[in-house]
Amino acid sequence: MYPTPRSHRPLIMGRNGAVGANHPLAAQAGIDILRAGGNAVDASVAISLALGVCEPM
């Protein structure tokens, strides 16, 4: 058995929202939507669309 790989990515914290995604560009898309005044649903749709491009399989 192989050990579970660990992620060593920086943690970014904020006061007005949180975004999580498997790819940093998808997470950035969600952050951009929230900063532009979107809500959680808008951010999740943006993340899903970005993940479809960044990780198509």
N, C-alpha and C. Protein backbone atom coordinates (compact mmCIF):
# COMPACT_ATOMS: atom_id res chain seq x y z
N MET A 1 0.83 -1.18 0.00
CA MET A 1 0.00 0.00 0.00
C MET A 1 0.87 1.25 0.00
N TYR A 2 0.41 2.22 -0.73
CA TYR A 2 1.11 3.50 -0.77
C TYR A 2 0.53 4.44 0.28
N PRO A 3 1.38 5.25 0.90
CA PRO A 3 0.86 6.20 1.88
C PRO A 3 0.04 7.29 1.20
N THR A 4 -0.89 7.84 1.94
CA THR A 4 -1.72 8.92 1.41
C THR A 4 -0.87 10.17 1.22
N PRO A 5 -0.89 10.75 0.01
CA PRO A 5 -0.09 11.97 -0.20
C PRO A 5 -0.67 13.14 0.60
N ARG A 6 0.21 13.98 1.06
CA ARG A 6 -0.21 15.14 1.84
C ARG A 6 0.00 16.41 1.03
N SER A 7 -0.89 17.33 1.21
CA SER A 7 -0.79 18.62 0.53
C SER A 7 -0.11 19.62 1.46
N HIS A 8 0.82 20.35 0.93
CA HIS A 8 1.52 21.37 1.71
C HIS A 8 1.26 22.74 1.11
N ARG A 9 0.02 23.04 0.86
CA ARG A 9 -0.35 24.33 0.31
C ARG A 9 -0.64 25.30 1.43
N PRO A 10 -0.40 26.58 1.18
CA PRO A 10 -0.65 27.56 2.24
C PRO A 10 -2.14 27.70 2.55
N LEU A 11 -2.42 28.02 3.78
CA LEU A 11 -3.79 28.27 4.22
C LEU A 11 -4.06 29.76 4.13
N ILE A 12 -5.15 30.10 3.49
CA ILE A 12 -5.55 31.50 3.36
C ILE A 12 -6.84 31.67 4.12
N MET A 13 -6.88 32.63 5.03
CA MET A 13 -8.06 32.84 5.85
C MET A 13 -8.65 34.21 5.56
N GLY A 14 -9.97 34.29 5.67
CA GLY A 14 -10.65 35.56 5.48
C GLY A 14 -11.82 35.68 6.45
N ARG A 15 -12.41 36.85 6.49
CA ARG A 15 -13.52 37.09 7.40
C ARG A 15 -14.89 36.97 6.73
N ASN A 16 -14.94 37.10 5.43
CA ASN A 16 -16.23 37.20 4.75
C ASN A 16 -16.64 35.96 3.97
N GLY A 17 -15.81 34.96 3.88
CA GLY A 17 -16.18 33.77 3.13
C GLY A 17 -15.04 32.77 3.08
N ALA A 18 -15.34 31.60 2.54
CA ALA A 18 -14.34 30.55 2.40
C ALA A 18 -14.54 29.84 1.08
N VAL A 19 -13.46 29.42 0.47
CA VAL A 19 -13.50 28.73 -0.82
C VAL A 19 -12.56 27.55 -0.73
N GLY A 20 -12.99 26.42 -1.27
CA GLY A 20 -12.13 25.25 -1.33
C GLY A 20 -12.29 24.56 -2.67
N ALA A 21 -11.18 24.14 -3.26
CA ALA A 21 -11.22 23.46 -4.55
C ALA A 21 -9.98 22.60 -4.70
N ASN A 22 -10.02 21.66 -5.63
CA ASN A 22 -8.89 20.78 -5.87
C ASN A 22 -7.78 21.44 -6.66
N HIS A 23 -8.05 22.56 -7.29
CA HIS A 23 -7.06 23.24 -8.11
C HIS A 23 -7.01 24.71 -7.69
N PRO A 24 -5.81 25.29 -7.56
CA PRO A 24 -5.73 26.68 -7.11
C PRO A 24 -6.40 27.67 -8.03
N LEU A 25 -6.40 27.42 -9.34
CA LEU A 25 -7.07 28.35 -10.26
C LEU A 25 -8.58 28.31 -10.08
N ALA A 26 -9.12 27.15 -9.77
CA ALA A 26 -10.56 27.05 -9.51
C ALA A 26 -10.91 27.77 -8.21
N ALA A 27 -10.07 27.63 -7.21
CA ALA A 27 -10.30 28.35 -5.95
C ALA A 27 -10.23 29.85 -6.18
N GLN A 28 -9.30 30.28 -7.02
CA GLN A 28 -9.18 31.71 -7.31
C GLN A 28 -10.42 32.22 -8.03
N ALA A 29 -11.01 31.40 -8.89
CA ALA A 29 -12.25 31.80 -9.56
C ALA A 29 -13.36 32.02 -8.55
N GLY A 30 -13.47 31.15 -7.57
CA GLY A 30 -14.47 31.33 -6.52
C GLY A 30 -14.22 32.57 -5.69
N ILE A 31 -12.96 32.83 -5.37
CA ILE A 31 -12.61 34.03 -4.61
C ILE A 31 -12.97 35.28 -5.40
N ASP A 32 -12.67 35.27 -6.69
CA ASP A 32 -12.98 36.43 -7.53
C ASP A 32 -14.47 36.71 -7.57
N ILE A 33 -15.28 35.66 -7.63
CA ILE A 33 -16.73 35.84 -7.65
C ILE A 33 -17.21 36.44 -6.33
N LEU A 34 -16.70 35.94 -5.21
CA LEU A 34 -17.09 36.49 -3.91
C LEU A 34 -16.68 37.94 -3.76
N ARG A 35 -15.48 38.27 -4.22
CA ARG A 35 -15.01 39.66 -4.14
C ARG A 35 -15.83 40.59 -5.02
N ALA A 36 -16.38 40.06 -6.11
CA ALA A 36 -17.19 40.88 -7.02
C ALA A 36 -18.61 41.05 -6.52
N GLY A 37 -18.93 40.47 -5.37
CA GLY A 37 -20.26 40.63 -4.79
C GLY A 37 -21.17 39.44 -4.96
N GLY A 38 -20.65 38.34 -5.50
CA GLY A 38 -21.46 37.14 -5.67
C GLY A 38 -21.68 36.42 -4.35
N ASN A 39 -22.60 35.47 -4.38
CA ASN A 39 -22.89 34.69 -3.17
C ASN A 39 -22.23 33.31 -3.28
N ALA A 40 -22.50 32.45 -2.32
CA ALA A 40 -21.88 31.13 -2.27
C ALA A 40 -22.26 30.28 -3.47
N VAL A 41 -23.50 30.40 -3.94
CA VAL A 41 -23.93 29.62 -5.10
C VAL A 41 -23.19 30.07 -6.34
N ASP A 42 -23.05 31.38 -6.52
CA ASP A 42 -22.30 31.90 -7.66
C ASP A 42 -20.86 31.39 -7.64
N ALA A 43 -20.24 31.42 -6.46
CA ALA A 43 -18.86 30.97 -6.33
C ALA A 43 -18.74 29.48 -6.61
N SER A 44 -19.69 28.68 -6.14
CA SER A 44 -19.61 27.24 -6.37
C SER A 44 -19.80 26.89 -7.84
N VAL A 45 -20.65 27.63 -8.54
CA VAL A 45 -20.82 27.41 -9.98
C VAL A 45 -19.53 27.77 -10.71
N ALA A 46 -18.91 28.88 -10.34
CA ALA A 46 -17.65 29.28 -10.97
C ALA A 46 -16.55 28.25 -10.72
N ILE A 47 -16.50 27.73 -9.51
CA ILE A 47 -15.50 26.70 -9.18
C ILE A 47 -15.75 25.44 -10.00
N SER A 48 -16.99 25.03 -10.12
CA SER A 48 -17.31 23.82 -10.90
C SER A 48 -16.92 23.99 -12.36
N LEU A 49 -17.21 25.15 -12.92
CA LEU A 49 -16.85 25.40 -14.32
C LEU A 49 -15.33 25.44 -14.49
N ALA A 50 -14.64 26.07 -13.55
CA ALA A 50 -13.18 26.14 -13.64
C ALA A 50 -12.55 24.75 -13.48
N LEU A 51 -13.10 23.93 -12.61
CA LEU A 51 -12.58 22.57 -12.45
C LEU A 51 -12.80 21.74 -13.70
N GLY A 52 -13.89 22.01 -14.41
CA GLY A 52 -14.13 21.32 -15.68
C GLY A 52 -13.06 21.62 -16.71
N VAL A 53 -12.45 22.79 -16.59
CA VAL A 53 -11.37 23.17 -17.51
C VAL A 53 -10.01 22.70 -16.97
N CYS A 54 -9.77 22.90 -15.69
CA CYS A 54 -8.47 22.57 -15.09
C CYS A 54 -8.26 21.07 -14.91
N GLU A 55 -9.31 20.36 -14.56
CA GLU A 55 -9.23 18.91 -14.31
C GLU A 55 -10.37 18.21 -15.04
N PRO A 56 -10.28 18.08 -16.35
CA PRO A 56 -11.42 17.55 -17.11
C PRO A 56 -11.75 16.08 -16.87
N MET A 57 -10.84 15.31 -16.35
CA MET A 57 -11.12 13.89 -16.16
C MET A 57 -11.39 13.57 -14.72
